[in-house]
PDB file of all heavy atoms in Angstrom:
ATOM      1  N   THR A   1       0.864  -1.183   0.000  1.00  0.00           N
ATOM      2  CA  THR A   1       0.000   0.000   0.000  1.00  0.00           C
ATOM      3  C   THR A   1       0.897   1.228   0.000  1.00  0.00           C
ATOM      4  O   THR A   1       1.763   1.370   0.873  1.00  0.00           O
ATOM      5  CB  THR A   1      -0.916   0.015   1.232  1.00  0.00           C
ATOM      6  OG1 THR A   1      -1.726  -1.175   1.214  1.00  0.00           O
ATOM      7  CG2 THR A   1      -1.817   1.243   1.231  1.00  0.00           C
ATOM      8  N   VAL A   2       0.703   2.116  -0.973  1.00  0.00           N
ATOM      9  CA  VAL A   2       1.540   3.298  -1.136  1.00  0.00           C
ATOM     10  C   VAL A   2       0.832   4.528  -0.596  1.00  0.00           C
ATOM     11  O   VAL A   2      -0.346   4.760  -0.895  1.00  0.00           O
ATOM     12  CB  VAL A   2       1.902   3.511  -2.623  1.00  0.00           C
ATOM     13  CG1 VAL A   2       2.645   4.831  -2.822  1.00  0.00           C
ATOM     14  CG2 VAL A   2       2.737   2.343  -3.141  1.00  0.00           C
ATOM     15  N   LEU A   3       1.549   5.310   0.216  1.00  0.00           N
ATOM     16  CA  LEU A   3       1.029   6.556   0.772  1.00  0.00           C
ATOM     17  C   LEU A   3       1.648   7.730   0.020  1.00  0.00           C
ATOM     18  O   LEU A   3       2.879   7.782  -0.134  1.00  0.00           O
ATOM     19  CB  LEU A   3       1.351   6.660   2.261  1.00  0.00           C
ATOM     20  CG  LEU A   3       1.044   5.435   3.132  1.00  0.00           C
ATOM     21  CD1 LEU A   3       1.357   5.743   4.601  1.00  0.00           C
ATOM     22  CD2 LEU A   3      -0.384   4.986   2.968  1.00  0.00           C
ATOM     23  N   ARG A   4       0.814   8.675  -0.442  1.00  0.00           N
ATOM     24  CA  ARG A   4       1.302   9.805  -1.238  1.00  0.00           C
ATOM     25  C   ARG A   4       0.924  11.141  -0.602  1.00  0.00           C
ATOM     26  O   ARG A   4      -0.042  11.235   0.162  1.00  0.00           O
ATOM     27  CB  ARG A   4       0.723   9.752  -2.658  1.00  0.00           C
ATOM     28  CG  ARG A   4       1.101   8.505  -3.445  1.00  0.00           C
ATOM     29  CD  ARG A   4       0.537   8.540  -4.854  1.00  0.00           C
ATOM     30  NE  ARG A   4       0.805   7.306  -5.572  1.00  0.00           N
ATOM     31  CZ  ARG A   4       1.907   7.081  -6.276  1.00  0.00           C
ATOM     32  NH1 ARG A   4       2.826   8.042  -6.361  1.00  0.00           N
ATOM     33  NH2 ARG A   4       2.105   5.939  -6.890  1.00  0.00           N
ATOM     34  N   ASP A   5       1.698  12.186  -0.976  1.00  0.00           N
ATOM     35  CA  ASP A   5       1.356  13.529  -0.520  1.00  0.00           C
ATOM     36  C   ASP A   5       0.506  14.223  -1.572  1.00  0.00           C
ATOM     37  O   ASP A   5       0.119  13.620  -2.590  1.00  0.00           O
ATOM     38  CB  ASP A   5       2.617  14.340  -0.201  1.00  0.00           C
ATOM     39  CG  ASP A   5       3.505  14.584  -1.420  1.00  0.00           C
ATOM     40  OD1 ASP A   5       3.070  14.293  -2.554  1.00  0.00           O
ATOM     41  OD2 ASP A   5       4.635  15.074  -1.235  1.00  0.00           O
ATOM     42  N   ALA A   6       0.203  15.497  -1.356  1.00  0.00           N
ATOM     43  CA  ALA A   6      -0.682  16.229  -2.252  1.00  0.00           C
ATOM     44  C   ALA A   6      -0.102  16.381  -3.654  1.00  0.00           C
ATOM     45  O   ALA A   6      -0.843  16.548  -4.627  1.00  0.00           O
ATOM     46  CB  ALA A   6      -0.988  17.608  -1.659  1.00  0.00           C
ATOM     47  N   ALA A   7       1.235  16.334  -3.775  1.00  0.00           N
ATOM     48  CA  ALA A   7       1.871  16.452  -5.085  1.00  0.00           C
ATOM     49  C   ALA A   7       1.997  15.108  -5.788  1.00  0.00           C
ATOM     50  O   ALA A   7       2.542  15.035  -6.892  1.00  0.00           O
ATOM     51  CB  ALA A   7       3.247  17.098  -4.931  1.00  0.00           C
ATOM     52  N   GLY A   8       1.532  14.050  -5.158  1.00  0.00           N
ATOM     53  CA  GLY A   8       1.607  12.736  -5.760  1.00  0.00           C
ATOM     54  C   GLY A   8       2.890  11.982  -5.485  1.00  0.00           C
ATOM     55  O   GLY A   8       3.071  10.857  -5.959  1.00  0.00           O
ATOM     56  N   ARG A   9       3.797  12.570  -4.690  1.00  0.00           N
ATOM     57  CA  ARG A   9       5.047  11.885  -4.368  1.00  0.00           C
ATOM     58  C   ARG A   9       4.793  10.748  -3.378  1.00  0.00           C
ATOM     59  O   ARG A   9       3.947  10.866  -2.492  1.00  0.00           O
ATOM     60  CB  ARG A   9       6.044  12.862  -3.773  1.00  0.00           C
ATOM     61  CG  ARG A   9       6.547  13.920  -4.746  1.00  0.00           C
ATOM     62  CD  ARG A   9       7.466  14.896  -4.042  1.00  0.00           C
ATOM     63  NE  ARG A   9       6.771  15.549  -2.923  1.00  0.00           N
ATOM     64  CZ  ARG A   9       7.320  16.478  -2.150  1.00  0.00           C
ATOM     65  NH1 ARG A   9       8.582  16.827  -2.333  1.00  0.00           N
ATOM     66  NH2 ARG A   9       6.622  17.027  -1.165  1.00  0.00           N
ATOM     67  N   VAL A  10       5.549   9.687  -3.538  1.00  0.00           N
ATOM     68  CA  VAL A  10       5.427   8.543  -2.626  1.00  0.00           C
ATOM     69  C   VAL A  10       6.097   8.902  -1.312  1.00  0.00           C
ATOM     70  O   VAL A  10       7.295   9.190  -1.272  1.00  0.00           O
ATOM     71  CB  VAL A  10       6.050   7.280  -3.222  1.00  0.00           C
ATOM     72  CG1 VAL A  10       5.981   6.133  -2.225  1.00  0.00           C
ATOM     73  CG2 VAL A  10       5.365   6.904  -4.526  1.00  0.00           C
ATOM     74  N   LEU A  11       5.332   8.900  -0.232  1.00  0.00           N
ATOM     75  CA  LEU A  11       5.872   9.185   1.096  1.00  0.00           C
ATOM     76  C   LEU A  11       6.426   7.931   1.751  1.00  0.00           C
ATOM     77  O   LEU A  11       7.503   7.944   2.353  1.00  0.00           O
ATOM     78  CB  LEU A  11       4.780   9.782   1.988  1.00  0.00           C
ATOM     79  CG  LEU A  11       4.205  11.130   1.571  1.00  0.00           C
ATOM     80  CD1 LEU A  11       2.993  11.472   2.432  1.00  0.00           C
ATOM     81  CD2 LEU A  11       5.271  12.210   1.698  1.00  0.00           C
ATOM     82  N   ALA A  12       5.657   6.854   1.654  1.00  0.00           N
ATOM     83  CA  ALA A  12       6.047   5.605   2.303  1.00  0.00           C
ATOM     84  C   ALA A  12       5.312   4.448   1.652  1.00  0.00           C
ATOM     85  O   ALA A  12       4.284   4.635   0.982  1.00  0.00           O
ATOM     86  CB  ALA A  12       5.732   5.651   3.793  1.00  0.00           C
ATOM     87  N   GLU A  13       5.869   3.255   1.854  1.00  0.00           N
ATOM     88  CA  GLU A  13       5.213   2.032   1.407  1.00  0.00           C
ATOM     89  C   GLU A  13       4.974   1.132   2.612  1.00  0.00           C
ATOM     90  O   GLU A  13       5.869   0.949   3.439  1.00  0.00           O
ATOM     91  CB  GLU A  13       6.077   1.298   0.379  1.00  0.00           C
ATOM     92  CG  GLU A  13       6.230   2.050  -0.935  1.00  0.00           C
ATOM     93  CD  GLU A  13       7.025   1.264  -1.968  1.00  0.00           C
ATOM     94  OE1 GLU A  13       7.590   0.211  -1.594  1.00  0.00           O
ATOM     95  OE2 GLU A  13       7.075   1.689  -3.126  1.00  0.00           O
ATOM     96  N   VAL A  14       3.776   0.602   2.700  1.00  0.00           N
ATOM     97  CA  VAL A  14       3.420  -0.333   3.761  1.00  0.00           C
ATOM     98  C   VAL A  14       3.254  -1.702   3.113  1.00  0.00           C
ATOM     99  O   VAL A  14       2.388  -1.890   2.253  1.00  0.00           O
ATOM    100  CB  VAL A  14       2.128   0.089   4.476  1.00  0.00           C
ATOM    101  CG1 VAL A  14       1.805  -0.890   5.609  1.00  0.00           C
ATOM    102  CG2 VAL A  14       2.245   1.506   5.019  1.00  0.00           C
ATOM    103  N   ALA A  15       4.114  -2.645   3.505  1.00  0.00           N
ATOM    104  CA  ALA A  15       4.097  -3.980   2.913  1.00  0.00           C
ATOM    105  C   ALA A  15       3.570  -4.985   3.926  1.00  0.00           C
ATOM    106  O   ALA A  15       4.126  -5.130   5.016  1.00  0.00           O
ATOM    107  CB  ALA A  15       5.496  -4.373   2.459  1.00  0.00           C
ATOM    108  N   ASP A  16       2.490  -5.666   3.560  1.00  0.00           N
ATOM    109  CA  ASP A  16       1.890  -6.716   4.386  1.00  0.00           C
ATOM    110  C   ASP A  16       2.378  -8.054   3.830  1.00  0.00           C
ATOM    111  O   ASP A  16       1.977  -8.466   2.745  1.00  0.00           O
ATOM    112  CB  ASP A  16       0.366  -6.604   4.311  1.00  0.00           C
ATOM    113  CG  ASP A  16      -0.341  -7.571   5.249  1.00  0.00           C
ATOM    114  OD1 ASP A  16       0.322  -8.461   5.804  1.00  0.00           O
ATOM    115  OD2 ASP A  16      -1.574  -7.437   5.421  1.00  0.00           O
ATOM    116  N   ASP A  17       3.291  -8.712   4.574  1.00  0.00           N
ATOM    117  CA  ASP A  17       3.969  -9.908   4.067  1.00  0.00           C
ATOM    118  C   ASP A  17       3.490 -11.167   4.771  1.00  0.00           C
ATOM    119  O   ASP A  17       3.468 -11.236   6.007  1.00  0.00           O
ATOM    120  CB  ASP A  17       5.485  -9.795   4.286  1.00  0.00           C
ATOM    121  CG  ASP A  17       6.130  -8.725   3.425  1.00  0.00           C
ATOM    122  OD1 ASP A  17       5.468  -8.259   2.476  1.00  0.00           O
ATOM    123  OD2 ASP A  17       7.283  -8.358   3.695  1.00  0.00           O
ATOM    124  N   THR A  18       3.157 -12.170   3.984  1.00  0.00           N
ATOM    125  CA  THR A  18       2.917 -13.510   4.495  1.00  0.00           C
ATOM    126  C   THR A  18       4.078 -14.375   4.021  1.00  0.00           C
ATOM    127  O   THR A  18       4.278 -14.556   2.815  1.00  0.00           O
ATOM    128  CB  THR A  18       1.581 -14.067   3.979  1.00  0.00           C
ATOM    129  OG1 THR A  18       0.511 -13.196   4.389  1.00  0.00           O
ATOM    130  CG2 THR A  18       1.331 -15.461   4.548  1.00  0.00           C
ATOM    131  N   VAL A  19       4.852 -14.899   4.967  1.00  0.00           N
ATOM    132  CA  VAL A  19       6.153 -15.480   4.658  1.00  0.00           C
ATOM    133  C   VAL A  19       6.172 -16.972   4.983  1.00  0.00           C
ATOM    134  O   VAL A  19       5.691 -17.395   6.039  1.00  0.00           O
ATOM    135  CB  VAL A  19       7.269 -14.776   5.468  1.00  0.00           C
ATOM    136  CG1 VAL A  19       8.646 -15.314   5.077  1.00  0.00           C
ATOM    137  CG2 VAL A  19       7.203 -13.264   5.292  1.00  0.00           C
ATOM    138  N   THR A  20       6.757 -17.748   4.074  1.00  0.00           N
ATOM    139  CA  THR A  20       7.110 -19.139   4.352  1.00  0.00           C
ATOM    140  C   THR A  20       8.613 -19.262   4.136  1.00  0.00           C
ATOM    141  O   THR A  20       9.113 -18.971   3.045  1.00  0.00           O
ATOM    142  CB  THR A  20       6.369 -20.108   3.427  1.00  0.00           C
ATOM    143  OG1 THR A  20       4.955 -19.917   3.577  1.00  0.00           O
ATOM    144  CG2 THR A  20       6.726 -21.547   3.766  1.00  0.00           C
ATOM    145  N   ALA A  21       9.330 -19.653   5.171  1.00  0.00           N
ATOM    146  CA  ALA A  21      10.790 -19.639   5.130  1.00  0.00           C
ATOM    147  C   ALA A  21      11.356 -21.017   5.433  1.00  0.00           C
ATOM    148  O   ALA A  21      10.860 -21.718   6.315  1.00  0.00           O
ATOM    149  CB  ALA A  21      11.336 -18.626   6.129  1.00  0.00           C
ATOM    150  N   THR A  22      12.403 -21.366   4.709  1.00  0.00           N
ATOM    151  CA  THR A  22      13.106 -22.635   4.916  1.00  0.00           C
ATOM    152  C   THR A  22      14.559 -22.341   5.258  1.00  0.00           C
ATOM    153  O   THR A  22      15.253 -21.642   4.502  1.00  0.00           O
ATOM    154  CB  THR A  22      13.053 -23.514   3.660  1.00  0.00           C
ATOM    155  OG1 THR A  22      11.691 -23.765   3.322  1.00  0.00           O
ATOM    156  CG2 THR A  22      13.788 -24.833   3.892  1.00  0.00           C
ATOM    157  N   ALA A  23      15.022 -22.850   6.390  1.00  0.00           N
ATOM    158  CA  ALA A  23      16.441 -22.736   6.761  1.00  0.00           C
ATOM    159  C   ALA A  23      17.145 -24.013   6.335  1.00  0.00           C
ATOM    160  O   ALA A  23      16.610 -25.116   6.487  1.00  0.00           O
ATOM    161  CB  ALA A  23      16.572 -22.538   8.268  1.00  0.00           C
ATOM    162  N   PHE A  24      18.355 -23.873   5.787  1.00  0.00           N
ATOM    163  CA  PHE A  24      19.144 -25.032   5.389  1.00  0.00           C
ATOM    164  C   PHE A  24      20.137 -25.383   6.491  1.00  0.00           C
ATOM    165  O   PHE A  24      20.573 -24.521   7.265  1.00  0.00           O
ATOM    166  CB  PHE A  24      19.904 -24.750   4.085  1.00  0.00           C
ATOM    167  CG  PHE A  24      19.001 -24.418   2.927  1.00  0.00           C
ATOM    168  CD1 PHE A  24      19.153 -23.237   2.227  1.00  0.00           C
ATOM    169  CD2 PHE A  24      17.993 -25.286   2.555  1.00  0.00           C
ATOM    170  CE1 PHE A  24      18.327 -22.922   1.165  1.00  0.00           C
ATOM    171  CE2 PHE A  24      17.151 -24.989   1.491  1.00  0.00           C
ATOM    172  CZ  PHE A  24      17.312 -23.802   0.785  1.00  0.00           C
ATOM    173  N   GLY A  25      20.478 -26.653   6.562  1.00  0.00           N
ATOM    174  CA  GLY A  25      21.471 -27.083   7.535  1.00  0.00           C
ATOM    175  C   GLY A  25      22.824 -26.471   7.240  1.00  0.00           C
ATOM    176  O   GLY A  25      23.126 -26.118   6.092  1.00  0.00           O
ATOM    177  N   ALA A  26      23.648 -26.330   8.248  1.00  0.00           N
ATOM    178  CA  ALA A  26      24.957 -25.696   8.087  1.00  0.00           C
ATOM    179  C   ALA A  26      25.783 -26.417   7.021  1.00  0.00           C
ATOM    180  O   ALA A  26      26.084 -27.605   7.157  1.00  0.00           O
ATOM    181  CB  ALA A  26      25.699 -25.685   9.415  1.00  0.00           C
ATOM    182  N   GLY A  27      26.134 -25.705   5.948  1.00  0.00           N
ATOM    183  CA  GLY A  27      26.967 -26.265   4.901  1.00  0.00           C
ATOM    184  C   GLY A  27      26.270 -27.263   3.996  1.00  0.00           C
ATOM    185  O   GLY A  27      26.929 -27.954   3.227  1.00  0.00           O
ATOM    186  N   THR A  28      24.932 -27.337   4.043  1.00  0.00           N
ATOM    187  CA  THR A  28      24.208 -28.292   3.204  1.00  0.00           C
ATOM    188  C   THR A  28      23.056 -27.579   2.505  1.00  0.00           C
ATOM    189  O   THR A  28      22.702 -26.451   2.835  1.00  0.00           O
ATOM    190  CB  THR A  28      23.615 -29.450   4.038  1.00  0.00           C
ATOM    191  OG1 THR A  28      22.461 -28.982   4.764  1.00  0.00           O
ATOM    192  CG2 THR A  28      24.642 -29.996   5.024  1.00  0.00           C
TER     193      THR A  28
END
């Protein structure tokens, strides 16, 4: 979701993340 000012410039971005993460074994 992008937030803008009156001139249309991007002030900030709000990112809603749903994450699935896999860690690998050390050196494998």
